[in-house]
Amino acid sequence: MSESANFAIIKATKPIVMILKGQKVILRPIRLSDAARFVKWFNDPEFNKFMFLRRMTMRKEVEWIKKLSKARKTDLVLAIDTKGGEHIGSTGLNRISKEFKNATFGIMIGNKQYWNRGYGTDAARVILDYAFKKLKLHRVDLDVYEYNTRAIKVYKKLGFRVEGRRREHTVLDGKYYDTIHMGLLDKEWKA
């Protein structure tokens, strides 16, 4: 994995800008100019059924982006761009605990043209490599809906293991589904 990740922290006059590079993607700070794309993606029913929030307004999204810089010590959320510079999603680590050396992983590819083409897998490898090698985390976990089989397959390929499930935790089209909890330890990370 380490050969696919390239870490660079660029010091500007203010603030420090983090750029992480993979084979297909560049992870960069989220900008206010990204807000409209996020709102479009989050309000697309085909995309949104995989997410843990249901509706998004421009006002809420702009507020969230502004809060990202304040949450820097506990949350690291980055935009996913293609190497050509097209913004296609986001990924990150939430609730980063330096004390317990763990965090919660999240990822979304909002631009459906890039689904099933390896961009999400590459972005996940880059941020997980950063989590284990640079942040020295011991554990990263995530939650995923049971019907998101593509994501579950990718998470297993990355080394995540199913650790539990919350039965009938969400509703989609009038039917209840489980939420699966998965975890990955530093010693399991295929570096």
C-alpha atoms as a PDB file:
ATOM      1  CA  MET A   1       0.000   0.000   0.000  1.00  0.00           C
ATOM      2  CA  SER A   2       2.795   2.391   0.824  1.00  0.00           C
ATOM      3  CA  GLU A   3       3.966   2.522  -2.772  1.00  0.00           C
ATOM      4  CA  SER A   4       0.558   3.893  -3.790  1.00  0.00           C
ATOM      5  CA  ALA A   5       0.502   6.637  -1.172  1.00  0.00           C
ATOM      6  CA  ASN A   6       2.480   9.816  -1.319  1.00  0.00           C
ATOM      7  CA  PHE A   7       2.182  12.117   1.687  1.00  0.00           C
ATOM      8  CA  ALA A   8       2.863  15.810   1.397  1.00  0.00           C
ATOM      9  CA  ILE A   9       2.105  18.572   3.812  1.00  0.00           C
ATOM     10  CA  ILE A  10       2.379  21.913   2.104  1.00  0.00           C
ATOM     11  CA  LYS A  11       2.964  24.877   4.406  1.00  0.00           C
ATOM     12  CA  ALA A  12       1.289  27.977   3.110  1.00  0.00           C
ATOM     13  CA  THR A  13       1.189  31.283   4.930  1.00  0.00           C
ATOM     14  CA  LYS A  14      -2.066  30.109   6.566  1.00  0.00           C
ATOM     15  CA  PRO A  15      -3.126  27.347   7.239  1.00  0.00           C
ATOM     16  CA  ILE A  16      -1.221  24.097   6.708  1.00  0.00           C
ATOM     17  CA  VAL A  17      -2.628  22.295   3.664  1.00  0.00           C
ATOM     18  CA  MET A  18      -2.543  18.516   3.509  1.00  0.00           C
ATOM     19  CA  ILE A  19      -2.333  16.753   0.155  1.00  0.00           C
ATOM     20  CA  LEU A  20      -2.258  12.943  -0.070  1.00  0.00           C
ATOM     21  CA  LYS A  21      -1.651  11.241  -3.407  1.00  0.00           C
ATOM     22  CA  GLY A  22      -2.581   7.785  -4.627  1.00  0.00           C
ATOM     23  CA  GLN A  23      -2.268   6.056  -7.981  1.00  0.00           C
ATOM     24  CA  LYS A  24      -5.591   7.452  -9.278  1.00  0.00           C
ATOM     25  CA  VAL A  25      -6.560  10.146  -6.784  1.00  0.00           C
ATOM     26  CA  ILE A  26      -5.408  13.216  -4.932  1.00  0.00           C
ATOM     27  CA  LEU A  27      -6.875  13.898  -1.489  1.00  0.00           C
ATOM     28  CA  ARG A  28      -7.036  17.600  -0.659  1.00  0.00           C
ATOM     29  CA  PRO A  29      -8.816  19.909   1.779  1.00  0.00           C
ATOM     30  CA  ILE A  30     -12.504  20.443   1.093  1.00  0.00           C
ATOM     31  CA  ARG A  31     -13.304  23.930  -0.201  1.00  0.00           C
ATOM     32  CA  LEU A  32     -16.485  25.996  -0.045  1.00  0.00           C
ATOM     33  CA  SER A  33     -16.601  25.722  -3.836  1.00  0.00           C
ATOM     34  CA  ASP A  34     -17.220  21.955  -3.385  1.00  0.00           C
ATOM     35  CA  ALA A  35     -20.494  22.531  -1.498  1.00  0.00           C
ATOM     36  CA  ALA A  36     -22.865  22.477  -4.491  1.00  0.00           C
ATOM     37  CA  ARG A  37     -21.521  19.106  -5.664  1.00  0.00           C
ATOM     38  CA  PHE A  38     -21.921  17.606  -2.187  1.00  0.00           C
ATOM     39  CA  VAL A  39     -25.517  18.863  -1.961  1.00  0.00           C
ATOM     40  CA  LYS A  40     -26.300  17.406  -5.400  1.00  0.00           C
ATOM     41  CA  TRP A  41     -24.807  14.030  -4.459  1.00  0.00           C
ATOM     42  CA  PHE A  42     -26.428  13.828  -1.019  1.00  0.00           C
ATOM     43  CA  ASN A  43     -29.851  14.600  -2.499  1.00  0.00           C
ATOM     44  CA  ASP A  44     -29.579  11.951  -5.235  1.00  0.00           C
ATOM     45  CA  PRO A  45     -31.694   8.976  -4.028  1.00  0.00           C
ATOM     46  CA  GLU A  46     -29.502   6.416  -5.838  1.00  0.00           C
ATOM     47  CA  PHE A  47     -26.431   7.723  -3.996  1.00  0.00           C
ATOM     48  CA  ASN A  48     -28.040   8.727  -0.721  1.00  0.00           C
ATOM     49  CA  LYS A  49     -29.338   5.260   0.138  1.00  0.00           C
ATOM     50  CA  PHE A  50     -25.735   4.346   1.002  1.00  0.00           C
ATOM     51  CA  MET A  51     -25.207   7.320   3.334  1.00  0.00           C
ATOM     52  CA  PHE A  52     -25.975   7.820   7.016  1.00  0.00           C
ATOM     53  CA  LEU A  53     -27.739  11.137   6.412  1.00  0.00           C
ATOM     54  CA  ARG A  54     -30.777  11.650   4.298  1.00  0.00           C
ATOM     55  CA  ARG A  55     -31.165  15.248   3.088  1.00  0.00           C
ATOM     56  CA  MET A  56     -28.742  18.101   2.639  1.00  0.00           C
ATOM     57  CA  THR A  57     -29.250  21.809   2.082  1.00  0.00           C
ATOM     58  CA  MET A  58     -26.669  24.256   0.802  1.00  0.00           C
ATOM     59  CA  ARG A  59     -26.758  26.123   4.126  1.00  0.00           C
ATOM     60  CA  LYS A  60     -26.029  22.935   6.123  1.00  0.00           C
ATOM     61  CA  GLU A  61     -23.243  21.891   3.763  1.00  0.00           C
ATOM     62  CA  VAL A  62     -21.532  25.298   3.894  1.00  0.00           C
ATOM     63  CA  GLU A  63     -21.742  25.254   7.717  1.00  0.00           C
ATOM     64  CA  TRP A  64     -20.206  21.764   7.774  1.00  0.00           C
ATOM     65  CA  ILE A  65     -17.328  22.790   5.502  1.00  0.00           C
ATOM     66  CA  LYS A  66     -16.597  25.829   7.681  1.00  0.00           C
ATOM     67  CA  LYS A  67     -16.549  23.619  10.803  1.00  0.00           C
ATOM     68  CA  LEU A  68     -14.015  21.194   9.291  1.00  0.00           C
ATOM     69  CA  SER A  69     -11.031  23.397  10.099  1.00  0.00           C
ATOM     70  CA  LYS A  70     -12.127  23.699  13.736  1.00  0.00           C
ATOM     71  CA  ALA A  71     -12.444  19.918  14.122  1.00  0.00           C
ATOM     72  CA  ARG A  72      -8.942  19.304  12.735  1.00  0.00           C
ATOM     73  CA  LYS A  73      -7.669  17.516  15.875  1.00  0.00           C
ATOM     74  CA  THR A  74     -10.446  14.918  15.895  1.00  0.00           C
ATOM     75  CA  ASP A  75     -11.583  14.805  12.262  1.00  0.00           C
ATOM     76  CA  LEU A  76      -9.637  14.665   9.020  1.00  0.00           C
ATOM     77  CA  VAL A  77     -11.955  14.900   6.015  1.00  0.00           C
ATOM     78  CA  LEU A  78     -10.542  15.414   2.535  1.00  0.00           C
ATOM     79  CA  ALA A  79     -11.985  15.826  -0.940  1.00  0.00           C
ATOM     80  CA  ILE A  80     -11.204  13.121  -3.485  1.00  0.00           C
ATOM     81  CA  ASP A  81     -10.049  14.474  -6.847  1.00  0.00           C
ATOM     82  CA  THR A  82      -8.993  12.494  -9.878  1.00  0.00           C
ATOM     83  CA  LYS A  83      -5.414  13.060 -11.026  1.00  0.00           C
ATOM     84  CA  GLY A  84      -7.021  15.285 -13.680  1.00  0.00           C
ATOM     85  CA  GLY A  85      -8.460  17.529 -10.966  1.00  0.00           C
ATOM     86  CA  GLU A  86     -12.131  16.491 -11.035  1.00  0.00           C
ATOM     87  CA  HIS A  87     -13.749  16.432  -7.590  1.00  0.00           C
ATOM     88  CA  ILE A  88     -15.549  13.079  -7.226  1.00  0.00           C
ATOM     89  CA  GLY A  89     -16.116  12.531  -3.498  1.00  0.00           C
ATOM     90  CA  SER A  90     -14.617  12.658  -0.020  1.00  0.00           C
ATOM     91  CA  THR A  91     -12.967  10.441   2.543  1.00  0.00           C
ATOM     92  CA  GLY A  92     -11.669  10.800   6.029  1.00  0.00           C
ATOM     93  CA  LEU A  93     -11.129   9.763   9.591  1.00  0.00           C
ATOM     94  CA  ASN A  94     -13.570  10.901  12.261  1.00  0.00           C
ATOM     95  CA  ARG A  95     -13.357  10.838  16.039  1.00  0.00           C
ATOM     96  CA  ILE A  96      -9.572  10.407  15.913  1.00  0.00           C
ATOM     97  CA  SER A  97      -8.399   9.491  19.412  1.00  0.00           C
ATOM     98  CA  LYS A  98      -4.705   9.953  20.114  1.00  0.00           C
ATOM     99  CA  GLU A  99      -5.233   8.424  23.548  1.00  0.00           C
ATOM    100  CA  PHE A 100      -6.819   5.194  22.293  1.00  0.00           C
ATOM    101  CA  LYS A 101      -5.153   5.330  18.862  1.00  0.00           C
ATOM    102  CA  ASN A 102      -8.335   4.752  16.887  1.00  0.00           C
ATOM    103  CA  ALA A 103     -10.668   6.488  14.440  1.00  0.00           C
ATOM    104  CA  THR A 104     -13.747   5.902  12.304  1.00  0.00           C
ATOM    105  CA  PHE A 105     -13.285   5.732   8.523  1.00  0.00           C
ATOM    106  CA  GLY A 106     -15.690   7.122   5.964  1.00  0.00           C
ATOM    107  CA  ILE A 107     -15.699   7.455   2.200  1.00  0.00           C
ATOM    108  CA  MET A 108     -18.076   8.439  -0.557  1.00  0.00           C
ATOM    109  CA  ILE A 109     -17.739   8.631  -4.304  1.00  0.00           C
ATOM    110  CA  GLY A 110     -20.537  10.993  -5.253  1.00  0.00           C
ATOM    111  CA  ASN A 111     -19.836  11.185  -8.977  1.00  0.00           C
ATOM    112  CA  LYS A 112     -21.421   7.979 -10.282  1.00  0.00           C
ATOM    113  CA  GLN A 113     -19.218   8.011 -13.406  1.00  0.00           C
ATOM    114  CA  TYR A 114     -16.395   6.910 -11.092  1.00  0.00           C
ATOM    115  CA  TRP A 115     -18.214   4.062  -9.340  1.00  0.00           C
ATOM    116  CA  ASN A 116     -16.661   0.598  -9.807  1.00  0.00           C
ATOM    117  CA  ARG A 117     -13.485   2.003 -11.368  1.00  0.00           C
ATOM    118  CA  GLY A 118     -11.053   1.731  -8.446  1.00  0.00           C
ATOM    119  CA  TYR A 119     -11.090   5.374  -7.354  1.00  0.00           C
ATOM    120  CA  GLY A 120     -12.722   4.638  -3.995  1.00  0.00           C
ATOM    121  CA  THR A 121     -10.345   1.760  -3.322  1.00  0.00           C
ATOM    122  CA  ASP A 122      -7.339   3.947  -4.128  1.00  0.00           C
ATOM    123  CA  ALA A 123      -8.600   6.784  -1.911  1.00  0.00           C
ATOM    124  CA  ALA A 124      -9.280   4.330   0.933  1.00  0.00           C
ATOM    125  CA  ARG A 125      -5.764   2.881   0.657  1.00  0.00           C
ATOM    126  CA  VAL A 126      -4.228   6.347   0.813  1.00  0.00           C
ATOM    127  CA  ILE A 127      -6.163   7.532   3.879  1.00  0.00           C
ATOM    128  CA  LEU A 128      -5.746   4.191   5.696  1.00  0.00           C
ATOM    129  CA  ASP A 129      -2.011   4.187   4.976  1.00  0.00           C
ATOM    130  CA  TYR A 130      -1.898   7.674   6.471  1.00  0.00           C
ATOM    131  CA  ALA A 131      -3.916   6.513   9.495  1.00  0.00           C
ATOM    132  CA  PHE A 132      -1.633   3.607  10.315  1.00  0.00           C
ATOM    133  CA  LYS A 133       1.777   4.923   9.215  1.00  0.00           C
ATOM    134  CA  LYS A 134       1.639   8.650   9.956  1.00  0.00           C
ATOM    135  CA  LEU A 135      -0.962   8.917  12.723  1.00  0.00           C
ATOM    136  CA  LYS A 136       0.209   5.583  14.206  1.00  0.00           C
ATOM    137  CA  LEU A 137      -3.369   4.462  14.877  1.00  0.00           C
ATOM    138  CA  HIS A 138      -3.934   0.979  16.241  1.00  0.00           C
ATOM    139  CA  ARG A 139      -7.472   0.567  14.944  1.00  0.00           C
ATOM    140  CA  VAL A 140      -9.850   1.994  12.332  1.00  0.00           C
ATOM    141  CA  ASP A 141     -13.521   1.062  12.172  1.00  0.00           C
ATOM    142  CA  LEU A 142     -16.561   1.825  10.014  1.00  0.00           C
ATOM    143  CA  ASP A 143     -20.275   1.197   9.669  1.00  0.00           C
ATOM    144  CA  VAL A 144     -21.941   0.166   6.404  1.00  0.00           C
ATOM    145  CA  TYR A 145     -25.481  -0.814   5.434  1.00  0.00           C
ATOM    146  CA  GLU A 146     -25.819  -4.514   4.609  1.00  0.00           C
ATOM    147  CA  TYR A 147     -27.192  -3.769   1.129  1.00  0.00           C
ATOM    148  CA  ASN A 148     -24.054  -1.803   0.182  1.00  0.00           C
ATOM    149  CA  THR A 149     -22.405  -4.980  -1.060  1.00  0.00           C
ATOM    150  CA  ARG A 150     -19.890  -3.181  -3.318  1.00  0.00           C
ATOM    151  CA  ALA A 151     -18.505  -1.270  -0.345  1.00  0.00           C
ATOM    152  CA  ILE A 152     -18.416  -4.356   1.879  1.00  0.00           C
ATOM    153  CA  LYS A 153     -16.424  -6.219  -0.784  1.00  0.00           C
ATOM    154  CA  VAL A 154     -13.902  -3.346  -1.002  1.00  0.00           C
ATOM    155  CA  TYR A 155     -13.620  -3.074   2.795  1.00  0.00           C
ATOM    156  CA  LYS A 156     -12.905  -6.806   3.078  1.00  0.00           C
ATOM    157  CA  LYS A 157     -10.314  -6.525   0.289  1.00  0.00           C
ATOM    158  CA  LEU A 158      -8.642  -3.755   2.310  1.00  0.00           C
ATOM    159  CA  GLY A 159      -8.502  -6.047   5.358  1.00  0.00           C
ATOM    160  CA  PHE A 160     -11.549  -4.951   7.369  1.00  0.00           C
ATOM    161  CA  ARG A 161     -13.336  -7.691   9.299  1.00  0.00           C
ATOM    162  CA  VAL A 162     -16.986  -7.856  10.284  1.00  0.00           C
ATOM    163  CA  GLU A 163     -17.186  -7.331  14.051  1.00  0.00           C
ATOM    164  CA  GLY A 164     -20.914  -7.046  14.561  1.00  0.00           C
ATOM    165  CA  ARG A 165     -24.211  -5.758  13.310  1.00  0.00           C
ATOM    166  CA  ARG A 166     -27.077  -3.607  14.447  1.00  0.00           C
ATOM    167  CA  ARG A 167     -30.154  -5.531  13.403  1.00  0.00           C
ATOM    168  CA  GLU A 168     -32.824  -3.707  11.389  1.00  0.00           C
ATOM    169  CA  HIS A 169     -31.046  -0.409  12.015  1.00  0.00           C
ATOM    170  CA  THR A 170     -32.171   1.455   8.878  1.00  0.00           C
ATOM    171  CA  VAL A 171     -35.177   1.590   6.575  1.00  0.00           C
ATOM    172  CA  LEU A 172     -35.039   1.770   2.788  1.00  0.00           C
ATOM    173  CA  ASP A 173     -38.196   1.662   0.683  1.00  0.00           C
ATOM    174  CA  GLY A 174     -40.199   0.409   3.663  1.00  0.00           C
ATOM    175  CA  LYS A 175     -37.855  -2.501   4.438  1.00  0.00           C
ATOM    176  CA  TYR A 176     -35.509  -2.758   7.432  1.00  0.00           C
ATOM    177  CA  TYR A 177     -31.804  -3.523   6.988  1.00  0.00           C
ATOM    178  CA  ASP A 178     -28.883  -4.194   9.309  1.00  0.00           C
ATOM    179  CA  THR A 179     -25.890  -1.929   9.759  1.00  0.00           C
ATOM    180  CA  ILE A 180     -22.629  -3.887   9.736  1.00  0.00           C
ATOM    181  CA  HIS A 181     -19.732  -2.781  11.937  1.00  0.00           C
ATOM    182  CA  MET A 182     -16.244  -3.554  10.593  1.00  0.00           C
ATOM    183  CA  GLY A 183     -12.771  -3.000  12.005  1.00  0.00           C
ATOM    184  CA  LEU A 184      -9.146  -3.071  10.889  1.00  0.00           C
ATOM    185  CA  LEU A 185      -6.090  -3.264  13.168  1.00  0.00           C
ATOM    186  CA  ASP A 186      -2.654  -1.890  12.375  1.00  0.00           C
ATOM    187  CA  LYS A 187      -1.142  -5.403  12.326  1.00  0.00           C
ATOM    188  CA  GLU A 188      -3.774  -6.431   9.726  1.00  0.00           C
ATOM    189  CA  TRP A 189      -3.037  -3.512   7.412  1.00  0.00           C
ATOM    190  CA  LYS A 190      -1.327  -4.881   4.304  1.00  0.00           C
ATOM    191  CA  ALA A 191       1.462  -2.358   4.075  1.00  0.00           C
END
